Amino acid sequence: FRYRYDHYRPFFWSAWIGDQLVGISNGIRTFQS
């Protein structure tokens, strides 16, 4: 997660209800298919 945060932060989304984290999505860029 730290790697994804450091390198692909624009793709590391979080969902909140009040101050509770209820969802996350993330990933990485690649040339692989």
PDB file of all heavy atoms in Angstrom:
ATOM      1  N   PHE A   1       0.834  -1.208   0.000  1.00  0.00           N
ATOM      2  CA  PHE A   1       0.000   0.000   0.000  1.00  0.00           C
ATOM      3  C   PHE A   1       0.863   1.250   0.000  1.00  0.00           C
ATOM      4  O   PHE A   1       0.560   2.221  -0.681  1.00  0.00           O
ATOM      5  CB  PHE A   1      -0.937  -0.006   1.208  1.00  0.00           C
ATOM      6  CG  PHE A   1      -2.285  -0.619   0.920  1.00  0.00           C
ATOM      7  CD1 PHE A   1      -2.495  -1.449  -0.162  1.00  0.00           C
ATOM      8  CD2 PHE A   1      -3.350  -0.361   1.755  1.00  0.00           C
ATOM      9  CE1 PHE A   1      -3.733  -2.006  -0.413  1.00  0.00           C
ATOM     10  CE2 PHE A   1      -4.602  -0.902   1.527  1.00  0.00           C
ATOM     11  CZ  PHE A   1      -4.786  -1.737   0.436  1.00  0.00           C
ATOM     12  N   ARG A   2       1.935   1.232   0.765  1.00  0.00           N
ATOM     13  CA  ARG A   2       2.825   2.397   0.799  1.00  0.00           C
ATOM     14  C   ARG A   2       3.413   2.643  -0.594  1.00  0.00           C
ATOM     15  O   ARG A   2       3.492   3.772  -1.046  1.00  0.00           O
ATOM     16  CB  ARG A   2       3.936   2.215   1.830  1.00  0.00           C
ATOM     17  CG  ARG A   2       4.887   3.399   1.869  1.00  0.00           C
ATOM     18  CD  ARG A   2       5.645   3.529   3.153  1.00  0.00           C
ATOM     19  NE  ARG A   2       4.824   3.657   4.331  1.00  0.00           N
ATOM     20  CZ  ARG A   2       4.144   4.752   4.678  1.00  0.00           C
ATOM     21  NH1 ARG A   2       4.179   5.815   3.922  1.00  0.00           N
ATOM     22  NH2 ARG A   2       3.449   4.775   5.783  1.00  0.00           N
ATOM     23  N   TYR A   3       3.814   1.570  -1.269  1.00  0.00           N
ATOM     24  CA  TYR A   3       4.351   1.703  -2.625  1.00  0.00           C
ATOM     25  C   TYR A   3       3.302   2.315  -3.560  1.00  0.00           C
ATOM     26  O   TYR A   3       3.592   3.245  -4.310  1.00  0.00           O
ATOM     27  CB  TYR A   3       4.810   0.337  -3.152  1.00  0.00           C
ATOM     28  CG  TYR A   3       5.475   0.441  -4.496  1.00  0.00           C
ATOM     29  CD1 TYR A   3       6.833   0.692  -4.592  1.00  0.00           C
ATOM     30  CD2 TYR A   3       4.738   0.319  -5.674  1.00  0.00           C
ATOM     31  CE1 TYR A   3       7.449   0.812  -5.827  1.00  0.00           C
ATOM     32  CE2 TYR A   3       5.349   0.433  -6.909  1.00  0.00           C
ATOM     33  CZ  TYR A   3       6.702   0.686  -6.978  1.00  0.00           C
ATOM     34  OH  TYR A   3       7.302   0.824  -8.202  1.00  0.00           O
ATOM     35  N   ARG A   4       2.086   1.795  -3.514  1.00  0.00           N
ATOM     36  CA  ARG A   4       1.015   2.329  -4.360  1.00  0.00           C
ATOM     37  C   ARG A   4       0.735   3.786  -4.015  1.00  0.00           C
ATOM     38  O   ARG A   4       0.507   4.607  -4.905  1.00  0.00           O
ATOM     39  CB  ARG A   4      -0.252   1.493  -4.209  1.00  0.00           C
ATOM     40  CG  ARG A   4      -0.083   0.080  -4.725  1.00  0.00           C
ATOM     41  CD  ARG A   4      -1.314  -0.754  -4.446  1.00  0.00           C
ATOM     42  NE  ARG A   4      -0.949  -2.166  -4.352  1.00  0.00           N
ATOM     43  CZ  ARG A   4      -1.781  -3.110  -3.985  1.00  0.00           C
ATOM     44  NH1 ARG A   4      -3.043  -2.828  -3.697  1.00  0.00           N
ATOM     45  NH2 ARG A   4      -1.375  -4.364  -3.916  1.00  0.00           N
ATOM     46  N   TYR A   5       0.759   4.106  -2.730  1.00  0.00           N
ATOM     47  CA  TYR A   5       0.544   5.492  -2.305  1.00  0.00           C
ATOM     48  C   TYR A   5       1.670   6.385  -2.837  1.00  0.00           C
ATOM     49  O   TYR A   5       1.417   7.458  -3.383  1.00  0.00           O
ATOM     50  CB  TYR A   5       0.475   5.570  -0.775  1.00  0.00           C
ATOM     51  CG  TYR A   5       0.357   6.987  -0.263  1.00  0.00           C
ATOM     52  CD1 TYR A   5      -0.883   7.607  -0.186  1.00  0.00           C
ATOM     53  CD2 TYR A   5       1.485   7.709   0.106  1.00  0.00           C
ATOM     54  CE1 TYR A   5      -0.999   8.917   0.262  1.00  0.00           C
ATOM     55  CE2 TYR A   5       1.378   9.011   0.554  1.00  0.00           C
ATOM     56  CZ  TYR A   5       0.140   9.616   0.620  1.00  0.00           C
ATOM     57  OH  TYR A   5       0.034  10.911   1.052  1.00  0.00           O
ATOM     58  N   ASP A   6       2.911   5.960  -2.666  1.00  0.00           N
ATOM     59  CA  ASP A   6       4.056   6.770  -3.078  1.00  0.00           C
ATOM     60  C   ASP A   6       4.146   6.950  -4.584  1.00  0.00           C
ATOM     61  O   ASP A   6       4.536   8.016  -5.059  1.00  0.00           O
ATOM     62  CB  ASP A   6       5.372   6.152  -2.580  1.00  0.00           C
ATOM     63  CG  ASP A   6       5.548   6.248  -1.075  1.00  0.00           C
ATOM     64  OD1 ASP A   6       4.851   7.068  -0.429  1.00  0.00           O
ATOM     65  OD2 ASP A   6       6.382   5.488  -0.538  1.00  0.00           O
ATOM     66  N   HIS A   7       3.780   5.925  -5.365  1.00  0.00           N
ATOM     67  CA  HIS A   7       3.977   5.970  -6.804  1.00  0.00           C
ATOM     68  C   HIS A   7       2.709   6.221  -7.622  1.00  0.00           C
ATOM     69  O   HIS A   7       2.800   6.701  -8.754  1.00  0.00           O
ATOM     70  CB  HIS A   7       4.636   4.673  -7.275  1.00  0.00           C
ATOM     71  CG  HIS A   7       6.017   4.506  -6.740  1.00  0.00           C
ATOM     72  ND1 HIS A   7       6.278   3.885  -5.537  1.00  0.00           N
ATOM     73  CD2 HIS A   7       7.206   4.919  -7.218  1.00  0.00           C
ATOM     74  CE1 HIS A   7       7.581   3.904  -5.314  1.00  0.00           C
ATOM     75  NE2 HIS A   7       8.167   4.524  -6.310  1.00  0.00           N
ATOM     76  N   TYR A   8       1.550   5.909  -7.054  1.00  0.00           N
ATOM     77  CA  TYR A   8       0.296   6.009  -7.811  1.00  0.00           C
ATOM     78  C   TYR A   8      -0.813   6.639  -6.974  1.00  0.00           C
ATOM     79  O   TYR A   8      -1.962   6.227  -7.041  1.00  0.00           O
ATOM     80  CB  TYR A   8      -0.124   4.608  -8.314  1.00  0.00           C
ATOM     81  CG  TYR A   8       0.943   3.981  -9.164  1.00  0.00           C
ATOM     82  CD1 TYR A   8       1.808   3.018  -8.640  1.00  0.00           C
ATOM     83  CD2 TYR A   8       1.133   4.394 -10.480  1.00  0.00           C
ATOM     84  CE1 TYR A   8       2.823   2.469  -9.414  1.00  0.00           C
ATOM     85  CE2 TYR A   8       2.148   3.855 -11.263  1.00  0.00           C
ATOM     86  CZ  TYR A   8       2.991   2.900 -10.715  1.00  0.00           C
ATOM     87  OH  TYR A   8       3.990   2.369 -11.480  1.00  0.00           O
ATOM     88  N   ARG A   9      -0.468   7.647  -6.198  1.00  0.00           N
ATOM     89  CA  ARG A   9      -1.444   8.261  -5.304  1.00  0.00           C
ATOM     90  C   ARG A   9      -2.697   8.773  -6.016  1.00  0.00           C
ATOM     91  O   ARG A   9      -3.798   8.642  -5.484  1.00  0.00           O
ATOM     92  CB  ARG A   9      -0.808   9.400  -4.501  1.00  0.00           C
ATOM     93  CG  ARG A   9      -1.804   9.947  -3.477  1.00  0.00           C
ATOM     94  CD  ARG A   9      -1.149  10.829  -2.440  1.00  0.00           C
ATOM     95  NE  ARG A   9      -2.147  11.224  -1.471  1.00  0.00           N
ATOM     96  CZ  ARG A   9      -2.744  12.408  -1.474  1.00  0.00           C
ATOM     97  NH1 ARG A   9      -2.428  13.318  -2.366  1.00  0.00           N
ATOM     98  NH2 ARG A   9      -3.659  12.688  -0.571  1.00  0.00           N
ATOM     99  N   PRO A  10      -2.600   9.322  -7.231  1.00  0.00           N
ATOM    100  CA  PRO A  10      -3.838   9.779  -7.889  1.00  0.00           C
ATOM    101  C   PRO A  10      -4.843   8.654  -8.155  1.00  0.00           C
ATOM    102  O   PRO A  10      -5.984   8.922  -8.515  1.00  0.00           O
ATOM    103  CB  PRO A  10      -3.336  10.374  -9.207  1.00  0.00           C
ATOM    104  CG  PRO A  10      -1.915  10.742  -8.953  1.00  0.00           C
ATOM    105  CD  PRO A  10      -1.407   9.691  -7.998  1.00  0.00           C
ATOM    106  N   PHE A  11      -4.414   7.410  -7.962  1.00  0.00           N
ATOM    107  CA  PHE A  11      -5.281   6.262  -8.193  1.00  0.00           C
ATOM    108  C   PHE A  11      -5.649   5.549  -6.887  1.00  0.00           C
ATOM    109  O   PHE A  11      -6.155   4.437  -6.921  1.00  0.00           O
ATOM    110  CB  PHE A  11      -4.579   5.252  -9.118  1.00  0.00           C
ATOM    111  CG  PHE A  11      -4.251   5.803 -10.471  1.00  0.00           C
ATOM    112  CD1 PHE A  11      -3.005   6.361 -10.722  1.00  0.00           C
ATOM    113  CD2 PHE A  11      -5.176   5.777 -11.498  1.00  0.00           C
ATOM    114  CE1 PHE A  11      -2.683   6.859 -11.972  1.00  0.00           C
ATOM    115  CE2 PHE A  11      -4.874   6.274 -12.752  1.00  0.00           C
ATOM    116  CZ  PHE A  11      -3.622   6.809 -12.979  1.00  0.00           C
ATOM    117  N   PHE A  12      -5.370   6.154  -5.745  1.00  0.00           N
ATOM    118  CA  PHE A  12      -5.617   5.506  -4.445  1.00  0.00           C
ATOM    119  C   PHE A  12      -6.792   6.225  -3.778  1.00  0.00           C
ATOM    120  O   PHE A  12      -6.616   7.175  -3.013  1.00  0.00           O
ATOM    121  CB  PHE A  12      -4.368   5.566  -3.573  1.00  0.00           C
ATOM    122  CG  PHE A  12      -4.287   4.476  -2.527  1.00  0.00           C
ATOM    123  CD1 PHE A  12      -3.098   3.805  -2.323  1.00  0.00           C
ATOM    124  CD2 PHE A  12      -5.371   4.137  -1.738  1.00  0.00           C
ATOM    125  CE1 PHE A  12      -2.983   2.812  -1.358  1.00  0.00           C
ATOM    126  CE2 PHE A  12      -5.284   3.152  -0.776  1.00  0.00           C
ATOM    127  CZ  PHE A  12      -4.086   2.481  -0.592  1.00  0.00           C
ATOM    128  N   TRP A  13      -7.993   5.755  -4.068  1.00  0.00           N
ATOM    129  CA  TRP A  13      -9.218   6.395  -3.600  1.00  0.00           C
ATOM    130  C   TRP A  13      -9.730   5.770  -2.305  1.00  0.00           C
ATOM    131  O   TRP A  13      -9.527   4.587  -2.045  1.00  0.00           O
ATOM    132  CB  TRP A  13     -10.293   6.311  -4.691  1.00  0.00           C
ATOM    133  CG  TRP A  13      -9.967   7.245  -5.796  1.00  0.00           C
ATOM    134  CD1 TRP A  13      -9.256   6.966  -6.940  1.00  0.00           C
ATOM    135  CD2 TRP A  13     -10.262   8.632  -5.847  1.00  0.00           C
ATOM    136  NE1 TRP A  13      -9.112   8.096  -7.684  1.00  0.00           N
ATOM    137  CE2 TRP A  13      -9.719   9.136  -7.055  1.00  0.00           C
ATOM    138  CE3 TRP A  13     -10.935   9.503  -5.001  1.00  0.00           C
ATOM    139  CZ2 TRP A  13      -9.831  10.467  -7.421  1.00  0.00           C
ATOM    140  CZ3 TRP A  13     -11.055  10.825  -5.373  1.00  0.00           C
ATOM    141  CH2 TRP A  13     -10.509  11.297  -6.568  1.00  0.00           C
ATOM    142  N   SER A  14     -10.399   6.594  -1.531  1.00  0.00           N
ATOM    143  CA  SER A  14     -11.009   6.122  -0.292  1.00  0.00           C
ATOM    144  C   SER A  14     -12.445   6.637  -0.208  1.00  0.00           C
ATOM    145  O   SER A  14     -12.766   7.691  -0.745  1.00  0.00           O
ATOM    146  CB  SER A  14     -10.201   6.604   0.921  1.00  0.00           C
ATOM    147  OG  SER A  14     -10.148   8.010   0.972  1.00  0.00           O
ATOM    148  N   ALA A  15     -13.287   5.856   0.458  1.00  0.00           N
ATOM    149  CA  ALA A  15     -14.690   6.222   0.679  1.00  0.00           C
ATOM    150  C   ALA A  15     -14.921   6.314   2.179  1.00  0.00           C
ATOM    151  O   ALA A  15     -14.479   5.450   2.942  1.00  0.00           O
ATOM    152  CB  ALA A  15     -15.619   5.177   0.058  1.00  0.00           C
ATOM    153  N   TRP A  16     -15.630   7.355   2.571  1.00  0.00           N
ATOM    154  CA  TRP A  16     -15.838   7.635   3.991  1.00  0.00           C
ATOM    155  C   TRP A  16     -17.309   7.899   4.272  1.00  0.00           C
ATOM    156  O   TRP A  16     -17.999   8.544   3.487  1.00  0.00           O
ATOM    157  CB  TRP A  16     -15.040   8.873   4.404  1.00  0.00           C
ATOM    158  CG  TRP A  16     -13.572   8.704   4.192  1.00  0.00           C
ATOM    159  CD1 TRP A  16     -12.880   8.872   3.021  1.00  0.00           C
ATOM    160  CD2 TRP A  16     -12.620   8.308   5.165  1.00  0.00           C
ATOM    161  NE1 TRP A  16     -11.550   8.604   3.218  1.00  0.00           N
ATOM    162  CE2 TRP A  16     -11.364   8.259   4.532  1.00  0.00           C
ATOM    163  CE3 TRP A  16     -12.702   7.996   6.519  1.00  0.00           C
ATOM    164  CZ2 TRP A  16     -10.199   7.905   5.198  1.00  0.00           C
ATOM    165  CZ3 TRP A  16     -11.543   7.643   7.188  1.00  0.00           C
ATOM    166  CH2 TRP A  16     -10.308   7.597   6.535  1.00  0.00           C
ATOM    167  N   ILE A  17     -17.766   7.408   5.411  1.00  0.00           N
ATOM    168  CA  ILE A  17     -19.048   7.810   5.986  1.00  0.00           C
ATOM    169  C   ILE A  17     -18.675   8.425   7.320  1.00  0.00           C
ATOM    170  O   ILE A  17     -18.201   7.726   8.224  1.00  0.00           O
ATOM    171  CB  ILE A  17     -20.016   6.626   6.149  1.00  0.00           C
ATOM    172  CG1 ILE A  17     -20.380   6.067   4.770  1.00  0.00           C
ATOM    173  CG2 ILE A  17     -21.269   7.076   6.909  1.00  0.00           C
ATOM    174  CD1 ILE A  17     -21.290   4.849   4.815  1.00  0.00           C
ATOM    175  N   GLY A  18     -18.820   9.725   7.410  1.00  0.00           N
ATOM    176  CA  GLY A  18     -18.331  10.437   8.586  1.00  0.00           C
ATOM    177  C   GLY A  18     -16.830  10.263   8.669  1.00  0.00           C
ATOM    178  O   GLY A  18     -16.117  10.487   7.693  1.00  0.00           O
ATOM    179  N   ASP A  19     -16.341   9.807   9.811  1.00  0.00           N
ATOM    180  CA  ASP A  19     -14.897   9.589   9.958  1.00  0.00           C
ATOM    181  C   ASP A  19     -14.527   8.111   9.836  1.00  0.00           C
ATOM    182  O   ASP A  19     -13.421   7.707  10.172  1.00  0.00           O
ATOM    183  CB  ASP A  19     -14.387  10.168  11.268  1.00  0.00           C
ATOM    184  CG  ASP A  19     -15.020   9.518  12.492  1.00  0.00           C
ATOM    185  OD1 ASP A  19     -15.910   8.660  12.337  1.00  0.00           O
ATOM    186  OD2 ASP A  19     -14.617   9.878  13.614  1.00  0.00           O
ATOM    187  N   GLN A  20     -15.445   7.289   9.305  1.00  0.00           N
ATOM    188  CA  GLN A  20     -15.186   5.858   9.130  1.00  0.00           C
ATOM    189  C   GLN A  20     -14.803   5.565   7.681  1.00  0.00           C
ATOM    190  O   GLN A  20     -15.547   5.876   6.742  1.00  0.00           O
ATOM    191  CB  GLN A  20     -16.411   5.032   9.507  1.00  0.00           C
ATOM    192  CG  GLN A  20     -16.179   3.544   9.347  1.00  0.00           C
ATOM    193  CD  GLN A  20     -17.429   2.707   9.554  1.00  0.00           C
ATOM    194  OE1 GLN A  20     -18.526   3.212   9.763  1.00  0.00           O
ATOM    195  NE2 GLN A  20     -17.258   1.404   9.482  1.00  0.00           N
ATOM    196  N   LEU A  21     -13.642   4.930   7.514  1.00  0.00           N
ATOM    197  CA  LEU A  21     -13.212   4.460   6.204  1.00  0.00           C
ATOM    198  C   LEU A  21     -14.047   3.240   5.848  1.00  0.00           C
ATOM    199  O   LEU A  21     -14.036   2.244   6.572  1.00  0.00           O
ATOM    200  CB  LEU A  21     -11.723   4.093   6.234  1.00  0.00           C
ATOM    201  CG  LEU A  21     -11.137   3.530   4.944  1.00  0.00           C
ATOM    202  CD1 LEU A  21     -11.183   4.564   3.815  1.00  0.00           C
ATOM    203  CD2 LEU A  21      -9.704   3.067   5.180  1.00  0.00           C
ATOM    204  N   VAL A  22     -14.797   3.321   4.746  1.00  0.00           N
ATOM    205  CA  VAL A  22     -15.691   2.217   4.376  1.00  0.00           C
ATOM    206  C   VAL A  22     -15.324   1.581   3.041  1.00  0.00           C
ATOM    207  O   VAL A  22     -15.904   0.570   2.658  1.00  0.00           O
ATOM    208  CB  VAL A  22     -17.170   2.669   4.354  1.00  0.00           C
ATOM    209  CG1 VAL A  22     -17.624   3.070   5.756  1.00  0.00           C
ATOM    210  CG2 VAL A  22     -17.397   3.787   3.354  1.00  0.00           C
ATOM    211  N   GLY A  23     -14.363   2.162   2.325  1.00  0.00           N
ATOM    212  CA  GLY A  23     -13.980   1.568   1.051  1.00  0.00           C
ATOM    213  C   GLY A  23     -12.672   2.141   0.533  1.00  0.00           C
ATOM    214  O   GLY A  23     -12.317   3.276   0.854  1.00  0.00           O
ATOM    215  N   ILE A  24     -11.972   1.325  -0.268  1.00  0.00           N
ATOM    216  CA  ILE A  24     -10.730   1.764  -0.904  1.00  0.00           C
ATOM    217  C   ILE A  24     -10.633   1.132  -2.287  1.00  0.00           C
ATOM    218  O   ILE A  24     -11.199   0.070  -2.551  1.00  0.00           O
ATOM    219  CB  ILE A  24      -9.469   1.373  -0.092  1.00  0.00           C
ATOM    220  CG1 ILE A  24      -9.481  -0.116   0.245  1.00  0.00           C
ATOM    221  CG2 ILE A  24      -9.323   2.236   1.143  1.00  0.00           C
ATOM    222  CD1 ILE A  24      -8.211  -0.633   0.900  1.00  0.00           C
ATOM    223  N   SER A  25      -9.914   1.811  -3.163  1.00  0.00           N
ATOM    224  CA  SER A  25      -9.577   1.257  -4.474  1.00  0.00           C
ATOM    225  C   SER A  25      -8.208   1.798  -4.852  1.00  0.00           C
ATOM    226  O   SER A  25      -7.871   2.941  -4.530  1.00  0.00           O
ATOM    227  CB  SER A  25     -10.628   1.616  -5.523  1.00  0.00           C
ATOM    228  OG  SER A  25     -10.703   3.013  -5.705  1.00  0.00           O
ATOM    229  N   ASN A  26      -7.427   0.958  -5.523  1.00  0.00           N
ATOM    230  CA  ASN A  26      -6.096   1.387  -5.956  1.00  0.00           C
ATOM    231  C   ASN A  26      -5.544   0.408  -6.967  1.00  0.00           C
ATOM    232  O   ASN A  26      -6.153  -0.630  -7.248  1.00  0.00           O
ATOM    233  CB  ASN A  26      -5.152   1.531  -4.753  1.00  0.00           C
ATOM    234  CG  ASN A  26      -4.937   0.239  -4.011  1.00  0.00           C
ATOM    235  OD1 ASN A  26      -4.370  -0.711  -4.533  1.00  0.00           O
ATOM    236  ND2 ASN A  26      -5.424   0.183  -2.768  1.00  0.00           N
ATOM    237  N   GLY A  27      -4.388   0.732  -7.496  1.00  0.00           N
ATOM    238  CA  GLY A  27      -3.711  -0.127  -8.458  1.00  0.00           C
ATOM    239  C   GLY A  27      -2.437   0.520  -8.941  1.00  0.00           C
ATOM    240  O   GLY A  27      -1.937   1.475  -8.330  1.00  0.00           O
ATOM    241  N   ILE A  28      -1.924   0.003 -10.052  1.00  0.00           N
ATOM    242  CA  ILE A  28      -0.653   0.475 -10.595  1.00  0.00           C
ATOM    243  C   ILE A  28      -0.737   0.597 -12.114  1.00  0.00           C
ATOM    244  O   ILE A  28      -1.538  -0.078 -12.758  1.00  0.00           O
ATOM    245  CB  ILE A  28       0.497  -0.494 -10.234  1.00  0.00           C
ATOM    246  CG1 ILE A  28       0.209  -1.911 -10.736  1.00  0.00           C
ATOM    247  CG2 ILE A  28       0.755  -0.486  -8.722  1.00  0.00           C
ATOM    248  CD1 ILE A  28       1.323  -2.906 -10.544  1.00  0.00           C
ATOM    249  N   ARG A  29       0.120   1.439 -12.663  1.00  0.00           N
ATOM    250  CA  ARG A  29       0.258   1.526 -14.113  1.00  0.00           C
ATOM    251  C   ARG A  29       1.216   0.434 -14.573  1.00  0.00           C
ATOM    252  O   ARG A  29       2.116   0.035 -13.840  1.00  0.00           O
ATOM    253  CB  ARG A  29       0.792   2.895 -14.525  1.00  0.00           C
ATOM    254  CG  ARG A  29      -0.253   3.985 -14.306  1.00  0.00           C
ATOM    255  CD  ARG A  29       0.211   5.292 -14.821  1.00  0.00           C
ATOM    256  NE  ARG A  29       0.109   5.301 -16.283  1.00  0.00           N
ATOM    257  CZ  ARG A  29      -0.069   6.404 -17.010  1.00  0.00           C
ATOM    258  NH1 ARG A  29      -0.153   7.571 -16.423  1.00  0.00           N
ATOM    259  NH2 ARG A  29      -0.147   6.330 -18.324  1.00  0.00           N
ATOM    260  N   THR A  30       1.014  -0.039 -15.797  1.00  0.00           N
ATOM    261  CA  THR A  30       1.832  -1.127 -16.328  1.00  0.00           C
ATOM    262  C   THR A  30       1.753  -1.121 -17.849  1.00  0.00           C
ATOM    263  O   THR A  30       0.841  -0.524 -18.426  1.00  0.00           O
ATOM    264  CB  THR A  30       1.346  -2.486 -15.770  1.00  0.00           C
ATOM    265  OG1 THR A  30       2.200  -3.512 -16.237  1.00  0.00           O
ATOM    266  CG2 THR A  30      -0.090  -2.783 -16.170  1.00  0.00           C
ATOM    267  N   PHE A  31       2.693  -1.783 -18.484  1.00  0.00           N
ATOM    268  CA  PHE A  31       2.608  -2.042 -19.917  1.00  0.00           C
ATOM    269  C   PHE A  31       2.044  -3.440 -20.169  1.00  0.00           C
ATOM    270  O   PHE A  31       1.741  -3.795 -21.293  1.00  0.00           O
ATOM    271  CB  PHE A  31       3.987  -1.919 -20.579  1.00  0.00           C
ATOM    272  CG  PHE A  31       4.436  -0.490 -20.714  1.00  0.00           C
ATOM    273  CD1 PHE A  31       5.478  -0.007 -19.941  1.00  0.00           C
ATOM    274  CD2 PHE A  31       3.827   0.382 -21.593  1.00  0.00           C
ATOM    275  CE1 PHE A  31       5.900   1.311 -20.049  1.00  0.00           C
ATOM    276  CE2 PHE A  31       4.229   1.696 -21.715  1.00  0.00           C
ATOM    277  CZ  PHE A  31       5.271   2.164 -20.948  1.00  0.00           C
ATOM    278  N   GLN A  32       1.908  -4.247 -19.123  1.00  0.00           N
ATOM    279  CA  GLN A  32       1.403  -5.610 -19.259  1.00  0.00           C
ATOM    280  C   GLN A  32      -0.083  -5.597 -19.588  1.00  0.00           C
ATOM    281  O   GLN A  32      -0.803  -4.650 -19.253  1.00  0.00           O
ATOM    282  CB  GLN A  32       1.682  -6.397 -17.980  1.00  0.00           C
ATOM    283  CG  GLN A  32       3.163  -6.582 -17.758  1.00  0.00           C
ATOM    284  CD  GLN A  32       3.480  -7.415 -16.538  1.00  0.00           C
ATOM    285  OE1 GLN A  32       4.623  -7.519 -16.193  1.00  0.00           O
ATOM    286  NE2 GLN A  32       2.504  -7.998 -15.877  1.00  0.00           N
ATOM    287  N   SER A  33      -0.541  -6.676 -20.208  1.00  0.00           N
ATOM    288  CA  SER A  33      -1.948  -6.735 -20.609  1.00  0.00           C
ATOM    289  C   SER A  33      -2.789  -7.636 -19.709  1.00  0.00           C
ATOM    290  O   SER A  33      -3.973  -7.806 -19.949  1.00  0.00           O
ATOM    291  CB  SER A  33      -2.056  -7.205 -22.061  1.00  0.00           C
ATOM    292  OG  SER A  33      -1.467  -8.479 -22.204  1.00  0.00           O
TER     293      SER A  33
END
